Amino acid sequence: MKKFIALLLTILLLVPSLDAKKKSKKSTSSKKSSVSYKYKKKHSRTHSRKKSKKKKRTRYTYVDPLKYKRKTKIPTSFEELIFRGRGYVIKIRAKQFRQGNLAFLRIYSNNPECRLDISQYRILWRNTQISLSPTRKGYIGIVPIHPEQKVGLNDLVVHRKSKTKSTTETFSINIRDTQFPVRKMYSRLRVPKKYVPRGYSAETQRFIEKCDLKKQKAFSTISDMQISGRFVSPVNTLFVTSPFYTKRYYHPKRKGKPHGGVDLRGKIGFPIYAIQNGKVLISERMFFEGIFTVIDHGSQMFSLYMHQSKTLVKEGDFVKKGTKIGEIGSTGVSTGPHLHLGLRVDGVMINPLSVLEVSLY
């Protein structure tokens, strides 16, 4: 009997210790499961991140760098000035009133029932008369801001001469400074020997003179304005490799020569488009410019396209804006495939990017 009682006591003492061991095992197992769960969760997150990174990398591996790398953005906003005179209103619009940019002028009567008699008016800018073309709402003209124009207030003078009296009114336009870049190209430039001006042959000299006469004749053409709507881009993707009016120094002891246009990067064969409506005055190979196209847009405005590999228009053709006129190349004085785009207005070289996406009146 005593042995039986002792056995029961030992059993009763052992039961709580077993329960405690079971609880401890459960807690450890739950801890282990929670740790493994956390580990799995972390691992899955890092794994998903790695996958997303891989996707982003593969997304940009096959993209053409011409399209996405350092692409030049052309702002569509513009600035406008309004001047009210005696019997007329003048509006002037430009992307920015800065050196080297182009502005468009519109003059109309302040009485909507009467049309302005433009024969009585002369508008002067930089002591040069602005040629005006008729529109449905008055007359429009072009105001070129020279790259070396005086910074500050510049006068726009309006002369009116009627049968009875003559009046003169002056309005001021504030021209802001443009910081044109400077490049020293002492050793980087590599031009073919035939373009180095050291003892051209007689035949080459005659060809250069012939090209100069052709350009002088083209730039002296006077015609009515043929512009309509916005100007368009000459290439599919704008990538400026040499900005407008960059002062290039080819020798340490010689003066720098300003760049009269913008160089736009492109591969040989890439299309070139006309930036505005106009008539083709030149479309042939020249010495310095290579395959060269000049389009007359009227009112002494000409767009220039240099170094083409191929031209698709001929002299006398009328082209609409956006028409393919040639292909990018590296002909003439060129160190690589690109398009040199120039804009000449009243004998002044203007930044062609200043007219892109600016709407006319």
Protein backbone atom coordinates (compact mmCIF):
# COMPACT_ATOMS: atom_id res chain seq x y z
CA MET A 1 0.00 0.00 0.00
CA LYS A 2 2.78 2.39 0.89
CA LYS A 3 4.46 1.68 -2.46
CA PHE A 4 1.24 2.50 -4.33
CA ILE A 5 0.84 5.85 -2.56
CA ALA A 6 4.46 6.77 -3.30
CA LEU A 7 3.93 5.98 -6.99
CA LEU A 8 0.84 8.23 -7.15
CA LEU A 9 2.76 11.10 -5.56
CA THR A 10 5.59 10.83 -8.03
CA ILE A 11 3.09 10.80 -10.93
CA LEU A 12 1.35 13.90 -9.57
CA LEU A 13 4.69 15.68 -9.24
CA LEU A 14 5.80 14.78 -12.77
CA VAL A 15 2.60 15.96 -14.60
CA PRO A 16 3.13 19.77 -14.16
CA SER A 17 6.76 19.51 -15.26
CA LEU A 18 5.66 17.71 -18.43
CA ASP A 19 3.06 20.42 -19.11
CA ALA A 20 5.71 23.09 -18.66
CA LYS A 21 8.02 21.29 -21.10
CA LYS A 22 5.19 21.07 -23.67
CA LYS A 23 4.45 24.78 -23.30
CA SER A 24 8.11 25.65 -23.69
CA LYS A 25 8.31 23.47 -26.80
CA LYS A 26 5.23 25.18 -28.26
CA SER A 27 6.64 28.64 -27.57
CA THR A 28 9.99 27.74 -29.16
CA SER A 29 8.26 26.23 -32.17
CA SER A 30 6.08 29.33 -32.55
CA LYS A 31 9.19 31.51 -32.30
CA LYS A 32 10.93 29.42 -34.90
CA SER A 33 7.95 29.64 -37.21
CA SER A 34 7.69 33.41 -36.75
CA VAL A 35 11.40 33.81 -37.47
CA SER A 36 11.18 31.70 -40.57
CA TYR A 37 8.09 33.62 -41.63
CA LYS A 38 9.90 36.91 -41.23
CA TYR A 39 12.88 35.58 -43.08
CA LYS A 40 10.70 34.38 -45.93
CA LYS A 41 8.93 37.71 -46.06
CA LYS A 42 12.20 39.64 -46.22
CA HIS A 43 13.60 37.29 -48.79
CA SER A 44 10.53 37.61 -50.98
CA ARG A 45 10.72 41.40 -50.79
CA THR A 46 14.37 41.56 -51.77
CA HIS A 47 13.70 39.11 -54.53
CA SER A 48 10.86 41.24 -55.90
CA ARG A 49 13.07 44.33 -55.75
CA LYS A 50 15.78 42.62 -57.72
CA LYS A 51 13.25 41.63 -60.34
CA SER A 52 11.91 45.19 -60.63
CA LYS A 53 15.48 46.52 -61.05
CA LYS A 54 16.14 44.03 -63.79
CA LYS A 55 12.99 45.14 -65.58
CA LYS A 56 14.05 48.79 -65.43
CA ARG A 57 17.47 47.95 -66.83
CA THR A 58 16.12 46.00 -69.76
CA ARG A 59 13.63 48.76 -70.51
CA TYR A 60 16.37 51.26 -71.46
CA THR A 61 19.00 49.03 -73.03
CA TYR A 62 17.70 49.24 -76.60
CA VAL A 63 16.61 52.90 -76.66
CA ASP A 64 18.29 55.12 -79.24
CA PRO A 65 20.45 57.66 -77.34
CA LEU A 66 19.60 60.33 -79.91
CA LYS A 67 16.03 60.26 -78.66
CA TYR A 68 16.47 60.27 -74.89
CA LYS A 69 19.95 61.60 -74.09
CA ARG A 70 20.29 65.36 -73.53
CA LYS A 71 17.29 66.13 -75.72
CA THR A 72 16.78 69.87 -76.19
CA LYS A 73 13.33 70.98 -75.06
CA ILE A 74 11.73 73.83 -77.00
CA PRO A 75 9.40 75.87 -74.76
CA THR A 76 6.05 76.78 -76.31
CA SER A 77 5.55 79.92 -74.17
CA PHE A 78 6.34 83.39 -75.48
CA GLU A 79 6.51 87.05 -74.42
CA GLU A 80 4.34 89.81 -75.85
CA LEU A 81 4.45 93.63 -75.78
CA ILE A 82 1.52 95.93 -76.66
CA PHE A 83 2.00 99.55 -77.75
CA ARG A 84 -0.97 101.87 -78.33
CA GLY A 85 -0.41 104.81 -80.66
CA ARG A 86 -2.63 107.43 -82.27
CA GLY A 87 -5.08 105.43 -84.34
CA TYR A 88 -3.20 102.12 -84.24
CA VAL A 89 -2.08 99.26 -81.98
CA ILE A 90 1.24 97.36 -82.23
CA LYS A 91 1.78 93.89 -80.76
CA ILE A 92 5.23 92.29 -80.71
CA ARG A 93 5.67 88.62 -79.86
CA ALA A 94 8.90 86.67 -79.24
CA LYS A 95 10.00 83.57 -77.40
CA GLN A 96 12.17 85.93 -75.35
CA PHE A 97 13.32 89.48 -76.02
CA ARG A 98 17.00 88.54 -75.97
CA GLN A 99 20.03 89.02 -78.19
CA GLY A 100 19.96 86.72 -81.22
CA ASN A 101 16.21 85.99 -81.11
CA LEU A 102 13.47 86.81 -83.61
CA ALA A 103 10.29 88.77 -82.87
CA PHE A 104 7.08 89.10 -84.89
CA LEU A 105 5.24 92.42 -85.14
CA ARG A 106 1.59 93.08 -85.89
CA ILE A 107 0.03 96.51 -86.48
CA TYR A 108 -3.69 97.16 -86.86
CA SER A 109 -6.24 99.95 -86.44
CA ASN A 110 -7.62 100.67 -83.00
CA ASN A 111 -11.02 101.09 -84.65
CA PRO A 112 -12.33 97.62 -85.61
CA GLU A 113 -14.59 99.14 -88.30
CA CYS A 114 -11.71 100.80 -90.18
CA ARG A 115 -8.71 99.19 -91.87
CA LEU A 116 -5.30 100.77 -91.41
CA ASP A 117 -3.88 102.68 -94.39
CA ILE A 118 -0.37 101.19 -94.24
CA SER A 119 0.92 103.50 -96.99
CA GLN A 120 1.03 106.29 -94.39
CA TYR A 121 3.27 104.35 -91.97
CA ARG A 122 6.98 103.58 -91.74
CA ILE A 123 8.25 101.42 -88.84
CA LEU A 124 11.99 101.53 -88.13
CA TRP A 125 14.07 99.10 -86.08
CA ARG A 126 17.84 99.65 -85.83
CA ASN A 127 17.38 102.45 -88.43
CA THR A 128 16.05 99.89 -90.91
CA GLN A 129 12.48 99.88 -92.21
CA ILE A 130 10.45 96.79 -91.37
CA SER A 131 8.66 95.31 -94.38
CA LEU A 132 4.97 94.61 -93.67
CA SER A 133 2.67 92.04 -95.26
CA PRO A 134 -1.16 92.19 -95.17
CA THR A 135 -3.25 89.74 -93.12
CA ARG A 136 -6.91 89.48 -92.21
CA LYS A 137 -6.27 91.56 -89.08
CA GLY A 138 -3.85 94.27 -90.08
CA TYR A 139 -0.22 93.77 -91.16
CA ILE A 140 2.67 91.67 -89.85
CA GLY A 141 6.43 92.15 -89.98
CA ILE A 142 9.64 90.59 -88.67
CA VAL A 143 11.90 92.19 -86.06
CA PRO A 144 15.40 90.60 -85.92
CA ILE A 145 17.31 91.13 -82.66
CA HIS A 146 21.01 91.16 -83.56
CA PRO A 147 23.27 88.87 -81.45
CA GLU A 148 25.32 91.98 -80.56
CA GLN A 149 22.32 94.28 -80.06
CA LYS A 150 22.68 96.86 -77.29
CA VAL A 151 21.39 95.47 -74.00
CA GLY A 152 18.64 97.57 -72.42
CA LEU A 153 16.02 99.83 -73.97
CA ASN A 154 15.99 99.99 -77.78
CA ASP A 155 13.71 102.22 -79.84
CA LEU A 156 10.99 101.15 -82.24
CA VAL A 157 10.10 104.28 -84.24
CA VAL A 158 6.76 104.74 -86.03
CA HIS A 159 6.48 107.52 -88.64
CA ARG A 160 3.06 108.49 -89.93
CA LYS A 161 2.65 110.90 -92.82
CA SER A 162 -0.84 111.89 -93.95
CA LYS A 163 -2.03 114.61 -96.33
CA THR A 164 -2.36 117.14 -93.55
CA LYS A 165 0.37 116.33 -91.01
CA SER A 166 3.19 113.97 -90.05
CA THR A 167 3.82 112.46 -86.61
CA THR A 168 6.55 110.33 -85.01
CA GLU A 169 6.08 108.06 -82.01
CA THR A 170 8.80 106.08 -80.26
CA PHE A 171 8.34 102.91 -78.19
CA SER A 172 11.02 101.17 -76.13
CA ILE A 173 11.77 97.44 -76.11
CA ASN A 174 13.95 96.07 -73.32
CA ILE A 175 16.49 93.64 -74.82
CA ARG A 176 18.11 91.23 -72.35
CA ASP A 177 21.64 89.87 -72.49
CA THR A 178 22.39 86.39 -73.88
CA GLN A 179 25.48 84.59 -72.59
CA PHE A 180 26.78 82.93 -75.76
CA PRO A 181 29.20 80.02 -75.12
CA VAL A 182 32.91 80.04 -75.96
CA ARG A 183 34.85 77.01 -77.23
CA LYS A 184 38.59 76.61 -77.67
CA MET A 185 39.24 74.02 -80.36
CA TYR A 186 43.02 74.24 -80.81
CA SER A 187 43.73 70.54 -81.25
CA ARG A 188 40.34 68.83 -81.43
CA LEU A 189 39.26 69.99 -84.89
CA ARG A 190 40.29 67.74 -87.75
CA VAL A 191 39.27 69.11 -91.16
CA PRO A 192 40.32 67.54 -94.49
CA LYS A 193 43.41 69.23 -95.97
CA LYS A 194 41.55 70.50 -99.04
CA TYR A 195 39.48 72.81 -96.78
CA VAL A 196 42.48 74.36 -95.01
CA PRO A 197 42.89 77.93 -96.43
CA ARG A 198 46.57 77.64 -97.31
CA GLY A 199 47.12 78.10 -100.99
CA TYR A 200 43.86 77.06 -102.67
CA SER A 201 44.31 76.04 -106.28
CA ALA A 202 43.04 78.40 -108.99
CA GLU A 203 40.19 76.02 -109.79
CA THR A 204 39.14 75.83 -106.13
CA GLN A 205 39.29 79.62 -105.80
CA ARG A 206 37.04 80.05 -108.85
CA PHE A 207 34.55 77.56 -107.40
CA ILE A 208 34.48 79.43 -104.05
CA GLU A 209 33.84 82.74 -105.85
CA LYS A 210 31.05 81.15 -107.89
CA CYS A 211 29.42 79.88 -104.68
CA ASP A 212 29.68 83.34 -103.07
CA LEU A 213 27.97 84.99 -106.06
CA LYS A 214 25.19 82.42 -105.95
CA LYS A 215 24.58 83.11 -102.24
CA GLN A 216 24.66 86.90 -102.70
CA LYS A 217 22.06 86.67 -105.45
CA ALA A 218 19.82 84.43 -103.32
CA PHE A 219 20.02 86.64 -100.21
CA SER A 220 19.14 89.76 -102.22
CA THR A 221 15.76 88.26 -103.22
CA ILE A 222 12.73 90.32 -102.16
CA SER A 223 9.38 88.55 -101.99
CA ASP A 224 6.11 88.59 -100.06
CA MET A 225 5.85 86.77 -96.74
CA GLN A 226 4.85 83.11 -97.12
CA ILE A 227 4.82 82.15 -93.44
CA SER A 228 1.71 80.52 -91.97
CA GLY A 229 1.16 79.19 -88.46
CA ARG A 230 3.93 77.74 -86.34
CA PHE A 231 7.47 76.88 -87.41
CA VAL A 232 8.28 73.16 -87.20
CA SER A 233 11.42 71.23 -86.24
CA PRO A 234 13.84 70.36 -89.08
CA VAL A 235 14.66 66.93 -87.56
CA ASN A 236 12.78 64.25 -85.65
CA THR A 237 14.85 64.74 -82.48
CA LEU A 238 16.56 67.98 -81.48
CA PHE A 239 20.03 67.32 -80.06
CA VAL A 240 22.19 70.46 -80.15
CA THR A 241 25.91 69.74 -80.44
CA SER A 242 26.98 73.35 -81.07
CA PRO A 243 24.70 76.21 -79.95
CA PHE A 244 24.01 79.42 -81.85
CA TYR A 245 26.72 82.13 -81.90
CA THR A 246 29.28 80.00 -80.10
CA LYS A 247 32.61 81.81 -80.37
CA ARG A 248 35.07 79.23 -81.67
CA TYR A 249 38.80 79.78 -81.21
CA TYR A 250 40.83 77.61 -83.59
CA HIS A 251 44.18 79.24 -82.72
CA PRO A 252 45.41 80.83 -79.44
CA LYS A 253 46.48 84.07 -81.19
CA ARG A 254 43.52 84.51 -83.56
CA LYS A 255 40.09 86.00 -82.95
CA GLY A 256 37.19 83.65 -82.40
CA LYS A 257 34.60 83.34 -85.13
CA PRO A 258 30.94 83.15 -84.02
CA HIS A 259 28.86 80.19 -85.15
CA GLY A 260 26.07 81.48 -87.39
CA GLY A 261 23.59 78.69 -86.71
CA VAL A 262 22.96 75.58 -84.62
CA ASP A 263 24.42 72.12 -85.22
CA LEU A 264 21.89 69.32 -84.74
CA ARG A 265 23.15 65.79 -84.25
CA GLY A 266 21.98 62.99 -86.50
CA LYS A 267 23.10 59.94 -88.40
CA ILE A 268 23.75 59.86 -92.14
CA GLY A 269 20.44 59.43 -93.94
CA PHE A 270 18.23 60.88 -91.19
CA PRO A 271 15.48 63.08 -92.74
CA ILE A 272 15.56 66.90 -92.88
CA TYR A 273 12.32 68.91 -93.03
CA ALA A 274 11.52 72.47 -94.10
CA ILE A 275 10.79 74.59 -91.02
CA GLN A 276 8.28 76.83 -92.87
CA ASN A 277 6.64 77.38 -96.27
CA GLY A 278 8.84 78.88 -98.95
CA LYS A 279 10.58 78.76 -102.31
CA VAL A 280 13.87 76.90 -102.85
CA LEU A 281 16.55 79.32 -104.07
CA ILE A 282 19.63 77.07 -103.76
CA SER A 283 19.88 73.29 -103.72
CA GLU A 284 23.35 72.18 -104.78
CA ARG A 285 26.86 71.34 -103.58
CA MET A 286 29.05 74.20 -102.40
CA PHE A 287 32.61 74.31 -101.14
CA PHE A 288 32.25 75.06 -97.43
CA GLU A 289 28.58 74.18 -96.89
CA GLY A 290 28.61 70.85 -98.74
CA ILE A 291 25.18 69.98 -100.16
CA PHE A 292 23.37 73.20 -99.35
CA THR A 293 19.70 74.25 -99.45
CA VAL A 294 18.31 77.78 -99.04
CA ILE A 295 14.56 78.40 -98.70
CA ASP A 296 13.06 81.89 -99.07
CA HIS A 297 10.15 82.50 -96.66
CA GLY A 298 9.55 86.08 -97.81
CA SER A 299 10.28 89.47 -96.22
CA GLN A 300 14.03 88.78 -96.41
CA MET A 301 13.83 85.64 -94.24
CA PHE A 302 15.87 82.62 -95.38
CA SER A 303 16.44 79.23 -93.75
CA LEU A 304 19.73 77.41 -94.47
CA TYR A 305 20.44 73.66 -94.37
CA MET A 306 24.10 72.57 -94.68
CA HIS A 307 26.27 69.41 -94.89
CA GLN A 308 23.52 67.18 -96.32
CA SER A 309 24.25 63.78 -97.81
CA LYS A 310 21.40 64.13 -100.29
CA THR A 311 18.96 66.84 -101.41
CA LEU A 312 15.41 65.99 -102.48
CA VAL A 313 14.41 69.40 -103.90
CA LYS A 314 15.60 71.59 -106.74
CA GLU A 315 15.87 75.30 -107.37
CA GLY A 316 12.46 76.90 -107.97
CA ASP A 317 10.42 74.34 -106.02
CA PHE A 318 7.80 75.57 -103.56
CA VAL A 319 7.80 73.49 -100.37
CA LYS A 320 5.40 73.41 -97.45
CA LYS A 321 6.58 73.23 -93.85
CA GLY A 322 7.25 69.68 -92.71
CA THR A 323 8.19 68.53 -96.24
CA LYS A 324 11.25 66.28 -96.42
CA ILE A 325 13.88 68.24 -98.35
CA GLY A 326 17.05 66.21 -97.75
CA GLU A 327 19.05 63.85 -95.55
CA ILE A 328 21.68 64.48 -92.87
CA GLY A 329 25.30 64.03 -93.94
CA SER A 330 28.85 65.27 -93.44
CA THR A 331 29.70 67.06 -96.70
CA GLY A 332 31.73 70.27 -96.93
CA VAL A 333 33.67 71.54 -93.90
CA SER A 334 32.36 69.02 -91.40
CA THR A 335 33.93 66.75 -88.79
CA GLY A 336 30.97 64.37 -88.48
CA PRO A 337 27.35 63.76 -89.50
CA HIS A 338 25.07 66.64 -88.45
CA LEU A 339 22.73 69.32 -89.76
CA HIS A 340 23.78 72.96 -89.61
CA LEU A 341 20.54 74.94 -89.46
CA GLY A 342 20.74 78.68 -90.04
CA LEU A 343 18.23 81.53 -90.19
CA ARG A 344 19.02 84.83 -91.93
CA VAL A 345 16.66 87.81 -91.57
CA ASP A 346 17.44 91.19 -93.17
CA GLY A 347 21.11 90.22 -93.34
CA VAL A 348 21.22 89.30 -89.63
CA MET A 349 21.97 85.75 -88.46
CA ILE A 350 19.28 84.70 -85.96
CA ASN A 351 19.03 81.74 -83.59
CA PRO A 352 16.71 79.36 -85.50
CA LEU A 353 15.56 77.72 -82.25
CA SER A 354 13.98 81.05 -81.25
CA VAL A 355 11.24 80.63 -83.88
CA LEU A 356 10.34 76.98 -83.33
CA GLU A 357 6.86 76.47 -81.87
CA VAL A 358 6.11 80.23 -81.80
CA SER A 359 2.69 80.92 -83.31
CA LEU A 360 2.18 83.92 -85.56
CA TYR A 361 -0.67 86.41 -85.37
